[in-house]
Every structure is written in C-alpha cells, then in structure tokens.
PDB file of all heavy atoms in Angstrom:
ATOM      1  N   VAL A   1      32.554 -12.934 -38.468  1.00  0.00           N
ATOM      2  CA  VAL A   1      31.869 -13.079 -39.729  1.00  0.00           C
ATOM      3  C   VAL A   1      32.051 -14.563 -40.190  1.00  0.00           C
ATOM      4  O   VAL A   1      31.070 -15.213 -40.650  1.00  0.00           O
ATOM      5  CB  VAL A   1      32.538 -12.160 -40.844  1.00  0.00           C
ATOM      6  CG1 VAL A   1      32.166 -12.567 -42.245  1.00  0.00           C
ATOM      7  CG2 VAL A   1      31.990 -10.769 -40.505  1.00  0.00           C
ATOM      8  N   LEU A   2      33.322 -15.087 -40.056  1.00  0.00           N
ATOM      9  CA  LEU A   2      33.602 -16.467 -40.407  1.00  0.00           C
ATOM     10  C   LEU A   2      32.643 -17.472 -39.670  1.00  0.00           C
ATOM     11  O   LEU A   2      32.098 -18.372 -40.243  1.00  0.00           O
ATOM     12  CB  LEU A   2      35.062 -16.776 -40.187  1.00  0.00           C
ATOM     13  CG  LEU A   2      35.402 -18.165 -40.701  1.00  0.00           C
ATOM     14  CD1 LEU A   2      35.352 -18.324 -42.244  1.00  0.00           C
ATOM     15  CD2 LEU A   2      36.870 -18.523 -40.232  1.00  0.00           C
ATOM     16  N   GLU A   3      32.570 -17.240 -38.378  1.00  0.00           N
ATOM     17  CA  GLU A   3      31.748 -18.198 -37.575  1.00  0.00           C
ATOM     18  C   GLU A   3      30.270 -18.108 -37.884  1.00  0.00           C
ATOM     19  O   GLU A   3      29.579 -19.096 -37.930  1.00  0.00           O
ATOM     20  CB  GLU A   3      31.975 -17.834 -36.060  1.00  0.00           C
ATOM     21  CG  GLU A   3      33.468 -18.232 -35.546  1.00  0.00           C
ATOM     22  CD  GLU A   3      33.751 -17.575 -34.221  1.00  0.00           C
ATOM     23  OE1 GLU A   3      33.052 -16.626 -33.834  1.00  0.00           O
ATOM     24  OE2 GLU A   3      34.591 -18.170 -33.623  1.00  0.00           O
ATOM     25  N   ASN A   4      29.870 -16.940 -38.208  1.00  0.00           N
ATOM     26  CA  ASN A   4      28.453 -16.725 -38.609  1.00  0.00           C
ATOM     27  C   ASN A   4      28.118 -17.465 -39.852  1.00  0.00           C
ATOM     28  O   ASN A   4      27.044 -18.176 -39.982  1.00  0.00           O
ATOM     29  CB  ASN A   4      28.051 -15.260 -38.799  1.00  0.00           C
ATOM     30  CG  ASN A   4      27.465 -14.605 -37.563  1.00  0.00           C
ATOM     31  OD1 ASN A   4      26.277 -14.754 -37.196  1.00  0.00           O
ATOM     32  ND2 ASN A   4      28.279 -13.937 -36.722  1.00  0.00           N
ATOM     33  N   VAL A   5      28.995 -17.351 -40.873  1.00  0.00           N
ATOM     34  CA  VAL A   5      28.814 -18.133 -42.093  1.00  0.00           C
ATOM     35  C   VAL A   5      28.860 -19.548 -41.901  1.00  0.00           C
ATOM     36  O   VAL A   5      28.104 -20.312 -42.480  1.00  0.00           O
ATOM     37  CB  VAL A   5      29.863 -17.645 -43.145  1.00  0.00           C
ATOM     38  CG1 VAL A   5      29.703 -18.482 -44.442  1.00  0.00           C
ATOM     39  CG2 VAL A   5      29.665 -16.187 -43.420  1.00  0.00           C
ATOM     40  N   MET A   6      29.765 -20.054 -41.019  1.00  0.00           N
ATOM     41  CA  MET A   6      29.849 -21.486 -40.725  1.00  0.00           C
ATOM     42  C   MET A   6      28.610 -22.072 -40.113  1.00  0.00           C
ATOM     43  O   MET A   6      28.222 -23.288 -40.326  1.00  0.00           O
ATOM     44  CB  MET A   6      31.061 -21.790 -39.780  1.00  0.00           C
ATOM     45  CG  MET A   6      32.432 -21.564 -40.400  1.00  0.00           C
ATOM     46  SD  MET A   6      33.769 -21.681 -39.271  1.00  0.00           S
ATOM     47  CE  MET A   6      33.703 -23.424 -38.673  1.00  0.00           C
ATOM     48  N   THR A   7      27.776 -21.247 -39.411  1.00  0.00           N
ATOM     49  CA  THR A   7      26.590 -21.762 -38.818  1.00  0.00           C
ATOM     50  C   THR A   7      25.602 -22.125 -39.849  1.00  0.00           C
ATOM     51  O   THR A   7      24.637 -22.827 -39.580  1.00  0.00           O
ATOM     52  CB  THR A   7      25.858 -20.727 -37.865  1.00  0.00           C
ATOM     53  OG1 THR A   7      25.595 -19.548 -38.629  1.00  0.00           O
ATOM     54  CG2 THR A   7      26.806 -20.374 -36.717  1.00  0.00           C
ATOM     55  N   GLY A   8      25.781 -21.687 -41.071  1.00  0.00           N
ATOM     56  CA  GLY A   8      24.826 -22.113 -42.216  1.00  0.00           C
ATOM     57  C   GLY A   8      24.976 -23.537 -42.610  1.00  0.00           C
ATOM     58  O   GLY A   8      24.208 -24.038 -43.263  1.00  0.00           O
ATOM     59  N   LEU A   9      26.060 -24.227 -41.988  1.00  0.00           N
ATOM     60  CA  LEU A   9      26.211 -25.594 -42.255  1.00  0.00           C
ATOM     61  C   LEU A   9      25.534 -26.548 -41.066  1.00  0.00           C
ATOM     62  O   LEU A   9      25.853 -27.629 -40.985  1.00  0.00           O
ATOM     63  CB  LEU A   9      27.687 -25.966 -42.391  1.00  0.00           C
ATOM     64  CG  LEU A   9      28.369 -25.551 -43.562  1.00  0.00           C
ATOM     65  CD1 LEU A   9      29.915 -25.721 -43.521  1.00  0.00           C
ATOM     66  CD2 LEU A   9      27.859 -26.298 -44.822  1.00  0.00           C
ATOM     67  N   HIS A  10      24.765 -25.845 -40.266  1.00  0.00           N
ATOM     68  CA  HIS A  10      24.389 -26.521 -39.001  1.00  0.00           C
ATOM     69  C   HIS A  10      23.611 -27.812 -39.329  1.00  0.00           C
ATOM     70  O   HIS A  10      23.608 -28.800 -38.496  1.00  0.00           O
ATOM     71  CB  HIS A  10      23.437 -25.570 -38.188  1.00  0.00           C
ATOM     72  CG  HIS A  10      22.140 -25.229 -38.920  1.00  0.00           C
ATOM     73  ND1 HIS A  10      20.968 -25.987 -38.839  1.00  0.00           N
ATOM     74  CD2 HIS A  10      21.884 -24.159 -39.655  1.00  0.00           C
ATOM     75  CE1 HIS A  10      20.085 -25.394 -39.526  1.00  0.00           C
ATOM     76  NE2 HIS A  10      20.516 -24.319 -40.007  1.00  0.00           N
ATOM     77  N   GLY A  11      22.935 -27.932 -40.455  1.00  0.00           N
ATOM     78  CA  GLY A  11      22.139 -29.164 -40.785  1.00  0.00           C
ATOM     79  C   GLY A  11      23.057 -30.295 -41.332  1.00  0.00           C
ATOM     80  O   GLY A  11      22.602 -31.382 -41.491  1.00  0.00           O
ATOM     81  N   ARG A  12      24.355 -29.908 -41.535  1.00  0.00           N
ATOM     82  CA  ARG A  12      25.250 -30.905 -42.178  1.00  0.00           C
ATOM     83  C   ARG A  12      26.429 -31.226 -41.282  1.00  0.00           C
ATOM     84  O   ARG A  12      27.310 -32.036 -41.634  1.00  0.00           O
ATOM     85  CB  ARG A  12      25.749 -30.389 -43.518  1.00  0.00           C
ATOM     86  CG  ARG A  12      24.654 -30.090 -44.448  1.00  0.00           C
ATOM     87  CD  ARG A  12      25.035 -29.784 -45.837  1.00  0.00           C
ATOM     88  NE  ARG A  12      23.911 -29.549 -46.731  1.00  0.00           N
ATOM     89  CZ  ARG A  12      24.026 -29.433 -47.990  1.00  0.00           C
ATOM     90  NH1 ARG A  12      25.216 -29.501 -48.605  1.00  0.00           N
ATOM     91  NH2 ARG A  12      23.007 -29.114 -48.830  1.00  0.00           N
ATOM     92  N   LEU A  13      26.587 -30.572 -40.146  1.00  0.00           N
ATOM     93  CA  LEU A  13      27.709 -30.779 -39.334  1.00  0.00           C
ATOM     94  C   LEU A  13      27.378 -31.607 -38.056  1.00  0.00           C
ATOM     95  O   LEU A  13      26.190 -31.533 -37.552  1.00  0.00           O
ATOM     96  CB  LEU A  13      28.306 -29.485 -38.836  1.00  0.00           C
ATOM     97  CG  LEU A  13      28.862 -28.534 -39.812  1.00  0.00           C
ATOM     98  CD1 LEU A  13      29.335 -27.235 -39.280  1.00  0.00           C
ATOM     99  CD2 LEU A  13      30.039 -29.206 -40.610  1.00  0.00           C
ATOM    100  N   ASP A  14      28.284 -32.419 -37.520  1.00  0.00           N
ATOM    101  CA  ASP A  14      27.981 -33.140 -36.355  1.00  0.00           C
ATOM    102  C   ASP A  14      28.105 -32.221 -35.145  1.00  0.00           C
ATOM    103  O   ASP A  14      28.518 -31.174 -35.164  1.00  0.00           O
ATOM    104  CB  ASP A  14      28.901 -34.336 -36.211  1.00  0.00           C
ATOM    105  CG  ASP A  14      30.379 -33.985 -36.192  1.00  0.00           C
ATOM    106  OD1 ASP A  14      30.628 -32.943 -35.665  1.00  0.00           O
ATOM    107  OD2 ASP A  14      31.216 -34.886 -36.628  1.00  0.00           O
ATOM    108  N   GLU A  15      27.692 -32.837 -33.971  1.00  0.00           N
ATOM    109  CA  GLU A  15      27.685 -31.981 -32.769  1.00  0.00           C
ATOM    110  C   GLU A  15      29.081 -31.424 -32.464  1.00  0.00           C
ATOM    111  O   GLU A  15      29.103 -30.273 -31.921  1.00  0.00           O
ATOM    112  CB  GLU A  15      27.131 -32.866 -31.641  1.00  0.00           C
ATOM    113  CG  GLU A  15      26.948 -32.117 -30.334  1.00  0.00           C
ATOM    114  CD  GLU A  15      26.327 -32.992 -29.262  1.00  0.00           C
ATOM    115  OE1 GLU A  15      25.967 -34.137 -29.502  1.00  0.00           O
ATOM    116  OE2 GLU A  15      26.317 -32.532 -28.119  1.00  0.00           O
ATOM    117  N   ALA A  16      30.131 -32.143 -32.685  1.00  0.00           N
ATOM    118  CA  ALA A  16      31.399 -31.664 -32.288  1.00  0.00           C
ATOM    119  C   ALA A  16      31.808 -30.403 -33.064  1.00  0.00           C
ATOM    120  O   ALA A  16      32.301 -29.452 -32.544  1.00  0.00           O
ATOM    121  CB  ALA A  16      32.463 -32.770 -32.605  1.00  0.00           C
ATOM    122  N   VAL A  17      31.382 -30.358 -34.347  1.00  0.00           N
ATOM    123  CA  VAL A  17      31.752 -29.200 -35.182  1.00  0.00           C
ATOM    124  C   VAL A  17      30.878 -28.009 -34.775  1.00  0.00           C
ATOM    125  O   VAL A  17      31.356 -26.994 -34.730  1.00  0.00           O
ATOM    126  CB  VAL A  17      31.597 -29.520 -36.652  1.00  0.00           C
ATOM    127  CG1 VAL A  17      31.912 -28.299 -37.540  1.00  0.00           C
ATOM    128  CG2 VAL A  17      32.525 -30.693 -37.041  1.00  0.00           C
ATOM    129  N   LEU A  18      29.577 -28.294 -34.502  1.00  0.00           N
ATOM    130  CA  LEU A  18      28.896 -27.161 -34.001  1.00  0.00           C
ATOM    131  C   LEU A  18      29.280 -26.646 -32.684  1.00  0.00           C
ATOM    132  O   LEU A  18      29.395 -25.376 -32.550  1.00  0.00           O
ATOM    133  CB  LEU A  18      27.370 -27.692 -33.785  1.00  0.00           C
ATOM    134  CG  LEU A  18      26.499 -27.738 -35.051  1.00  0.00           C
ATOM    135  CD1 LEU A  18      25.109 -28.218 -34.676  1.00  0.00           C
ATOM    136  CD2 LEU A  18      26.402 -26.383 -35.666  1.00  0.00           C
ATOM    137  N   GLY A  19      29.882 -27.456 -31.874  1.00  0.00           N
ATOM    138  CA  GLY A  19      30.526 -27.045 -30.627  1.00  0.00           C
ATOM    139  C   GLY A  19      31.700 -26.141 -30.944  1.00  0.00           C
ATOM    140  O   GLY A  19      31.865 -25.066 -30.289  1.00  0.00           O
ATOM    141  N   ALA A  20      32.463 -26.480 -32.024  1.00  0.00           N
ATOM    142  CA  ALA A  20      33.639 -25.620 -32.278  1.00  0.00           C
ATOM    143  C   ALA A  20      33.155 -24.318 -32.912  1.00  0.00           C
ATOM    144  O   ALA A  20      33.784 -23.377 -32.530  1.00  0.00           O
ATOM    145  CB  ALA A  20      34.470 -26.333 -33.409  1.00  0.00           C
ATOM    146  N   VAL A  21      32.117 -24.286 -33.631  1.00  0.00           N
ATOM    147  CA  VAL A  21      31.585 -22.984 -34.194  1.00  0.00           C
ATOM    148  C   VAL A  21      31.210 -22.194 -33.031  1.00  0.00           C
ATOM    149  O   VAL A  21      31.496 -20.879 -33.055  1.00  0.00           O
ATOM    150  CB  VAL A  21      30.432 -23.305 -35.112  1.00  0.00           C
ATOM    151  CG1 VAL A  21      29.822 -21.875 -35.444  1.00  0.00           C
ATOM    152  CG2 VAL A  21      30.908 -23.951 -36.430  1.00  0.00           C
ATOM    153  N   PHE A  22      30.634 -22.717 -32.058  1.00  0.00           N
ATOM    154  CA  PHE A  22      30.155 -21.825 -30.910  1.00  0.00           C
ATOM    155  C   PHE A  22      31.170 -21.828 -29.764  1.00  0.00           C
ATOM    156  O   PHE A  22      30.913 -21.665 -28.585  1.00  0.00           O
ATOM    157  CB  PHE A  22      28.855 -22.355 -30.389  1.00  0.00           C
ATOM    158  CG  PHE A  22      27.645 -22.209 -31.304  1.00  0.00           C
ATOM    159  CD1 PHE A  22      27.301 -23.029 -32.140  1.00  0.00           C
ATOM    160  CD2 PHE A  22      27.103 -20.913 -31.263  1.00  0.00           C
ATOM    161  CE1 PHE A  22      26.187 -22.774 -33.036  1.00  0.00           C
ATOM    162  CE2 PHE A  22      25.944 -20.615 -32.046  1.00  0.00           C
ATOM    163  CZ  PHE A  22      25.597 -21.579 -33.067  1.00  0.00           C
ATOM    164  N   ARG A  23      32.551 -21.809 -30.179  1.00  0.00           N
ATOM    165  CA  ARG A  23      33.675 -21.546 -29.227  1.00  0.00           C
ATOM    166  C   ARG A  23      33.796 -22.670 -28.127  1.00  0.00           C
ATOM    167  O   ARG A  23      34.160 -22.214 -27.112  1.00  0.00           O
ATOM    168  CB  ARG A  23      33.544 -20.160 -28.613  1.00  0.00           C
ATOM    169  CG  ARG A  23      33.670 -18.984 -29.719  1.00  0.00           C
ATOM    170  CD  ARG A  23      33.559 -17.636 -29.048  1.00  0.00           C
ATOM    171  NE  ARG A  23      33.625 -16.633 -30.012  1.00  0.00           N
ATOM    172  CZ  ARG A  23      34.836 -16.157 -30.578  1.00  0.00           C
ATOM    173  NH1 ARG A  23      35.933 -16.681 -30.296  1.00  0.00           N
ATOM    174  NH2 ARG A  23      34.788 -15.225 -31.477  1.00  0.00           N
ATOM    175  N   SER A  24      33.418 -23.805 -28.418  1.00  0.00           N
ATOM    176  CA  SER A  24      33.625 -24.891 -27.493  1.00  0.00           C
ATOM    177  C   SER A  24      35.036 -25.441 -27.704  1.00  0.00           C
ATOM    178  O   SER A  24      35.767 -25.011 -28.515  1.00  0.00           O
ATOM    179  CB  SER A  24      32.560 -26.055 -27.514  1.00  0.00           C
ATOM    180  OG  SER A  24      32.855 -26.771 -28.627  1.00  0.00           O
ATOM    181  N   ARG A  25      35.402 -26.566 -27.024  1.00  0.00           N
ATOM    182  CA  ARG A  25      36.674 -27.186 -27.132  1.00  0.00           C
ATOM    183  C   ARG A  25      36.735 -28.180 -28.238  1.00  0.00           C
ATOM    184  O   ARG A  25      37.816 -28.732 -28.506  1.00  0.00           O
ATOM    185  CB  ARG A  25      37.080 -27.789 -25.778  1.00  0.00           C
ATOM    186  CG  ARG A  25      37.181 -26.784 -24.696  1.00  0.00           C
ATOM    187  CD  ARG A  25      37.480 -27.474 -23.398  1.00  0.00           C
ATOM    188  NE  ARG A  25      37.561 -26.539 -22.206  1.00  0.00           N
ATOM    189  CZ  ARG A  25      37.785 -26.909 -20.972  1.00  0.00           C
ATOM    190  NH1 ARG A  25      37.847 -28.091 -20.682  1.00  0.00           N
ATOM    191  NH2 ARG A  25      37.774 -25.916 -20.028  1.00  0.00           N
ATOM    192  N   SER A  26      35.604 -28.376 -28.884  1.00  0.00           N
ATOM    193  CA  SER A  26      35.511 -29.409 -29.948  1.00  0.00           C
ATOM    194  C   SER A  26      36.084 -28.985 -31.211  1.00  0.00           C
ATOM    195  O   SER A  26      35.405 -28.322 -32.012  1.00  0.00           O
ATOM    196  CB  SER A  26      34.085 -29.927 -30.102  1.00  0.00           C
ATOM    197  OG  SER A  26      33.605 -30.467 -28.895  1.00  0.00           O
ATOM    198  N   LEU A  27      37.397 -29.225 -31.475  1.00  0.00           N
ATOM    199  CA  LEU A  27      38.081 -28.766 -32.646  1.00  0.00           C
ATOM    200  C   LEU A  27      38.447 -30.082 -33.435  1.00  0.00           C
ATOM    201  O   LEU A  27      39.001 -31.019 -32.932  1.00  0.00           O
ATOM    202  CB  LEU A  27      39.334 -28.005 -32.342  1.00  0.00           C
ATOM    203  CG  LEU A  27      39.068 -26.639 -31.596  1.00  0.00           C
ATOM    204  CD1 LEU A  27      40.280 -26.008 -31.231  1.00  0.00           C
ATOM    205  CD2 LEU A  27      38.202 -25.749 -32.378  1.00  0.00           C
ATOM    206  N   CYS A  28      38.246 -30.094 -34.717  1.00  0.00           N
ATOM    207  CA  CYS A  28      38.440 -31.393 -35.510  1.00  0.00           C
ATOM    208  C   CYS A  28      38.675 -30.986 -36.930  1.00  0.00           C
ATOM    209  O   CYS A  28      38.569 -29.768 -37.362  1.00  0.00           O
ATOM    210  CB  CYS A  28      37.349 -32.370 -35.352  1.00  0.00           C
ATOM    211  SG  CYS A  28      35.785 -31.695 -35.832  1.00  0.00           S
ATOM    212  N   ASP A  29      39.048 -31.989 -37.761  1.00  0.00           N
ATOM    213  CA  ASP A  29      39.306 -31.854 -39.153  1.00  0.00           C
ATOM    214  C   ASP A  29      37.968 -31.276 -39.908  1.00  0.00           C
ATOM    215  O   ASP A  29      38.067 -30.440 -40.703  1.00  0.00           O
ATOM    216  CB  ASP A  29      39.662 -33.068 -39.776  1.00  0.00           C
ATOM    217  CG  ASP A  29      41.053 -33.507 -39.395  1.00  0.00           C
ATOM    218  OD1 ASP A  29      41.797 -32.651 -38.848  1.00  0.00           O
ATOM    219  OD2 ASP A  29      41.389 -34.616 -39.596  1.00  0.00           O
ATOM    220  N   ALA A  30      36.819 -31.686 -39.403  1.00  0.00           N
ATOM    221  CA  ALA A  30      35.530 -31.203 -40.110  1.00  0.00           C
ATOM    222  C   ALA A  30      35.354 -29.826 -39.831  1.00  0.00           C
ATOM    223  O   ALA A  30      34.850 -29.033 -40.759  1.00  0.00           O
ATOM    224  CB  ALA A  30      34.438 -32.060 -39.530  1.00  0.00           C
TER     225      ALA A  30
END
C-alpha cells in the first residue's frame, strides 16, 4: 500500500527515487 501511494509522486521524484519505489537498490533521503 505504501509503495503504491508513493508512485503518485512519479512526476516529482528523480530516477533514483522511482527506482527505490520499484524495489531497486536506489535508496536515498528523498
């Protein structure tokens, strides 16, 4: 549920954060 809601920020997040949302290794403060 949390990850689904986070995808609503897709237009405002950089590629690294989108990668984190989709379970990649890109984890950051954003």
